[in-house]
Amino acid sequence: MKALVVDDSTSMRNIIKAALSQMNIFDEIVEAENGKVALEKIKEQGPFDIVFLDWYMPEMEGYDCLVEIRKDEGLRDMKVMMVTTENQQENVIKAVMAGANEYLMKPFTPDMLEEKVKMVLGL
């Protein structure tokens, strides 16, 4: 399985990648520093089994990236999980309505991430 981790924080990408690596279900974990780069990586290397999107990033925010992903018929089945500090209820609802499969609040534990990943991927 392939995962794409999208966050403008290098340390947060590393935390998520480390947690995903411990799950032993991903053969490849790719990273991107914003939504714009994420869309390029999806086009070049995708589709991915799951994309982890931060909300607040420069160039293109996670929500806007999610909207662009869901516009593409070929990517409609790709799983997307928002992993963010954004906790405003209206924005959580907005992301789910736009097609996010799951929403995980930062900070989180590796166990919390694993539980949500397994649920989203049906493992």
C-alpha atoms as a PDB file:
ATOM      1  CA  MET A   1       0.000   0.000   0.000  1.00  0.00           C
ATOM      2  CA  LYS A   2       1.038   3.592  -0.667  1.00  0.00           C
ATOM      3  CA  ALA A   3       0.530   6.587   1.604  1.00  0.00           C
ATOM      4  CA  LEU A   4       1.053  10.315   1.030  1.00  0.00           C
ATOM      5  CA  VAL A   5       1.762  12.512   4.064  1.00  0.00           C
ATOM      6  CA  VAL A   6       1.083  16.208   3.442  1.00  0.00           C
ATOM      7  CA  ASP A   7       2.159  18.718   6.095  1.00  0.00           C
ATOM      8  CA  ASP A   8       4.245  21.893   5.992  1.00  0.00           C
ATOM      9  CA  SER A   9       6.055  20.775   9.160  1.00  0.00           C
ATOM     10  CA  THR A  10       8.965  18.425   8.486  1.00  0.00           C
ATOM     11  CA  SER A  11       8.829  17.152  12.065  1.00  0.00           C
ATOM     12  CA  MET A  12       5.104  16.359  11.805  1.00  0.00           C
ATOM     13  CA  ARG A  13       5.656  14.522   8.505  1.00  0.00           C
ATOM     14  CA  ASN A  14       8.387  12.507  10.235  1.00  0.00           C
ATOM     15  CA  ILE A  15       6.113  11.704  13.198  1.00  0.00           C
ATOM     16  CA  ILE A  16       3.324  10.496  10.912  1.00  0.00           C
ATOM     17  CA  LYS A  17       5.735   8.534   8.705  1.00  0.00           C
ATOM     18  CA  ALA A  18       7.278   6.836  11.752  1.00  0.00           C
ATOM     19  CA  ALA A  19       3.851   5.837  13.060  1.00  0.00           C
ATOM     20  CA  LEU A  20       2.814   4.522   9.637  1.00  0.00           C
ATOM     21  CA  SER A  21       6.057   2.551   9.283  1.00  0.00           C
ATOM     22  CA  GLN A  22       5.385   0.791  12.596  1.00  0.00           C
ATOM     23  CA  MET A  23       2.042  -0.455  11.253  1.00  0.00           C
ATOM     24  CA  ASN A  24       3.810  -2.615   8.634  1.00  0.00           C
ATOM     25  CA  ILE A  25       1.055  -2.115   6.053  1.00  0.00           C
ATOM     26  CA  PHE A  26       2.663   0.501   3.798  1.00  0.00           C
ATOM     27  CA  ASP A  27       5.245  -0.402   1.158  1.00  0.00           C
ATOM     28  CA  GLU A  28       5.773   3.237   0.233  1.00  0.00           C
ATOM     29  CA  ILE A  29       5.305   6.488   2.161  1.00  0.00           C
ATOM     30  CA  VAL A  30       5.686   9.682   0.132  1.00  0.00           C
ATOM     31  CA  GLU A  31       5.665  13.196   1.581  1.00  0.00           C
ATOM     32  CA  ALA A  32       4.703  16.665   0.396  1.00  0.00           C
ATOM     33  CA  GLU A  33       5.007  20.053   2.097  1.00  0.00           C
ATOM     34  CA  ASN A  34       1.733  21.543   0.856  1.00  0.00           C
ATOM     35  CA  GLY A  35      -1.401  20.797  -1.139  1.00  0.00           C
ATOM     36  CA  LYS A  36       0.050  21.994  -4.432  1.00  0.00           C
ATOM     37  CA  VAL A  37       3.016  19.619  -4.181  1.00  0.00           C
ATOM     38  CA  ALA A  38       0.643  16.867  -3.018  1.00  0.00           C
ATOM     39  CA  LEU A  39      -1.463  17.195  -6.181  1.00  0.00           C
ATOM     40  CA  GLU A  40       1.707  16.996  -8.291  1.00  0.00           C
ATOM     41  CA  LYS A  41       2.820  13.842  -6.452  1.00  0.00           C
ATOM     42  CA  ILE A  42      -0.634  12.292  -6.838  1.00  0.00           C
ATOM     43  CA  LYS A  43      -0.509  13.012 -10.577  1.00  0.00           C
ATOM     44  CA  GLU A  44       3.051  11.638 -10.933  1.00  0.00           C
ATOM     45  CA  GLN A  45       3.052   8.750  -8.431  1.00  0.00           C
ATOM     46  CA  GLY A  46      -0.576   8.105  -7.525  1.00  0.00           C
ATOM     47  CA  PRO A  47      -3.120   7.192  -6.834  1.00  0.00           C
ATOM     48  CA  PHE A  48      -2.303   6.495  -3.205  1.00  0.00           C
ATOM     49  CA  ASP A  49      -4.251   4.189  -0.922  1.00  0.00           C
ATOM     50  CA  ILE A  50      -4.502   6.981   1.645  1.00  0.00           C
ATOM     51  CA  VAL A  51      -3.543  10.660   1.884  1.00  0.00           C
ATOM     52  CA  PHE A  52      -2.961  12.426   5.203  1.00  0.00           C
ATOM     53  CA  LEU A  53      -3.671  16.164   4.876  1.00  0.00           C
ATOM     54  CA  ASP A  54      -2.859  18.979   7.261  1.00  0.00           C
ATOM     55  CA  TRP A  55      -5.302  21.902   7.037  1.00  0.00           C
ATOM     56  CA  TYR A  56      -3.075  24.974   7.325  1.00  0.00           C
ATOM     57  CA  MET A  57      -0.206  25.062   4.826  1.00  0.00           C
ATOM     58  CA  PRO A  58       1.316  27.666   2.510  1.00  0.00           C
ATOM     59  CA  GLU A  59       0.619  27.676  -1.255  1.00  0.00           C
ATOM     60  CA  MET A  60      -2.433  25.394  -0.956  1.00  0.00           C
ATOM     61  CA  GLU A  61      -4.221  24.384   2.220  1.00  0.00           C
ATOM     62  CA  GLY A  62      -5.342  20.855   2.915  1.00  0.00           C
ATOM     63  CA  TYR A  63      -9.026  21.624   2.486  1.00  0.00           C
ATOM     64  CA  ASP A  64      -8.424  23.074  -0.989  1.00  0.00           C
ATOM     65  CA  CYS A  65      -6.301  20.042  -1.882  1.00  0.00           C
ATOM     66  CA  LEU A  66      -9.114  17.752  -0.709  1.00  0.00           C
ATOM     67  CA  VAL A  67     -11.603  19.597  -2.915  1.00  0.00           C
ATOM     68  CA  GLU A  68      -9.286  19.239  -5.936  1.00  0.00           C
ATOM     69  CA  ILE A  69      -8.785  15.516  -5.251  1.00  0.00           C
ATOM     70  CA  ARG A  70     -12.534  14.928  -5.085  1.00  0.00           C
ATOM     71  CA  LYS A  71     -13.090  16.777  -8.386  1.00  0.00           C
ATOM     72  CA  ASP A  72     -11.035  14.110 -10.183  1.00  0.00           C
ATOM     73  CA  GLU A  73     -13.195  11.104 -11.128  1.00  0.00           C
ATOM     74  CA  GLY A  74     -10.131   8.845 -11.085  1.00  0.00           C
ATOM     75  CA  LEU A  75      -9.328   9.772  -7.480  1.00  0.00           C
ATOM     76  CA  ARG A  76     -12.805   9.547  -5.970  1.00  0.00           C
ATOM     77  CA  ASP A  77     -12.014   6.246  -4.214  1.00  0.00           C
ATOM     78  CA  MET A  78      -8.695   7.433  -2.790  1.00  0.00           C
ATOM     79  CA  LYS A  79      -8.968   7.675   1.001  1.00  0.00           C
ATOM     80  CA  VAL A  80      -8.201  11.067   2.566  1.00  0.00           C
ATOM     81  CA  MET A  81      -7.682  11.725   6.270  1.00  0.00           C
ATOM     82  CA  MET A  82      -7.380  15.239   7.618  1.00  0.00           C
ATOM     83  CA  VAL A  83      -4.688  15.320  10.340  1.00  0.00           C
ATOM     84  CA  THR A  84      -4.753  18.797  11.795  1.00  0.00           C
ATOM     85  CA  THR A  85      -5.042  21.142  14.748  1.00  0.00           C
ATOM     86  CA  GLU A  86      -8.160  22.641  13.128  1.00  0.00           C
ATOM     87  CA  ASN A  87     -10.956  21.814  15.549  1.00  0.00           C
ATOM     88  CA  GLN A  88     -13.705  24.274  14.652  1.00  0.00           C
ATOM     89  CA  GLN A  89     -16.806  22.112  14.293  1.00  0.00           C
ATOM     90  CA  GLU A  90     -17.926  23.904  11.130  1.00  0.00           C
ATOM     91  CA  ASN A  91     -14.562  23.178   9.481  1.00  0.00           C
ATOM     92  CA  VAL A  92     -14.621  19.526  10.518  1.00  0.00           C
ATOM     93  CA  ILE A  93     -18.098  19.256   8.969  1.00  0.00           C
ATOM     94  CA  LYS A  94     -16.919  21.195   5.900  1.00  0.00           C
ATOM     95  CA  ALA A  95     -14.038  18.734   5.354  1.00  0.00           C
ATOM     96  CA  VAL A  96     -16.272  15.675   5.787  1.00  0.00           C
ATOM     97  CA  MET A  97     -18.843  17.171   3.406  1.00  0.00           C
ATOM     98  CA  ALA A  98     -16.045  17.808   0.880  1.00  0.00           C
ATOM     99  CA  GLY A  99     -15.102  14.132   0.991  1.00  0.00           C
ATOM    100  CA  ALA A 100     -12.662  13.542   3.854  1.00  0.00           C
ATOM    101  CA  ASN A 101     -12.945   9.927   4.976  1.00  0.00           C
ATOM    102  CA  GLU A 102     -11.707  10.653   8.494  1.00  0.00           C
ATOM    103  CA  TYR A 103     -10.491  13.482  10.714  1.00  0.00           C
ATOM    104  CA  LEU A 104      -7.720  13.174  13.314  1.00  0.00           C
ATOM    105  CA  MET A 105      -6.879  15.986  15.700  1.00  0.00           C
ATOM    106  CA  LYS A 106      -3.284  16.889  16.601  1.00  0.00           C
ATOM    107  CA  PRO A 107      -1.744  16.006  18.941  1.00  0.00           C
ATOM    108  CA  PHE A 108      -2.423  12.295  18.543  1.00  0.00           C
ATOM    109  CA  THR A 109      -0.788   9.049  19.599  1.00  0.00           C
ATOM    110  CA  PRO A 110       0.489   6.399  17.161  1.00  0.00           C
ATOM    111  CA  ASP A 111      -2.292   4.115  18.437  1.00  0.00           C
ATOM    112  CA  MET A 112      -4.948   6.710  17.593  1.00  0.00           C
ATOM    113  CA  LEU A 113      -3.527   7.075  14.086  1.00  0.00           C
ATOM    114  CA  GLU A 114      -3.352   3.305  13.576  1.00  0.00           C
ATOM    115  CA  GLU A 115      -6.943   2.823  14.723  1.00  0.00           C
ATOM    116  CA  LYS A 116      -8.236   5.431  12.274  1.00  0.00           C
ATOM    117  CA  VAL A 117      -6.061   4.158   9.389  1.00  0.00           C
ATOM    118  CA  LYS A 118      -7.286   0.587   9.854  1.00  0.00           C
ATOM    119  CA  MET A 119     -10.885   1.788  10.013  1.00  0.00           C
ATOM    120  CA  VAL A 120     -10.576   3.912   6.853  1.00  0.00           C
ATOM    121  CA  LEU A 121      -8.777   1.192   4.904  1.00  0.00           C
ATOM    122  CA  GLY A 122     -11.065  -1.558   6.181  1.00  0.00           C
ATOM    123  CA  LEU A 123      -8.245  -3.594   7.752  1.00  0.00           C
END
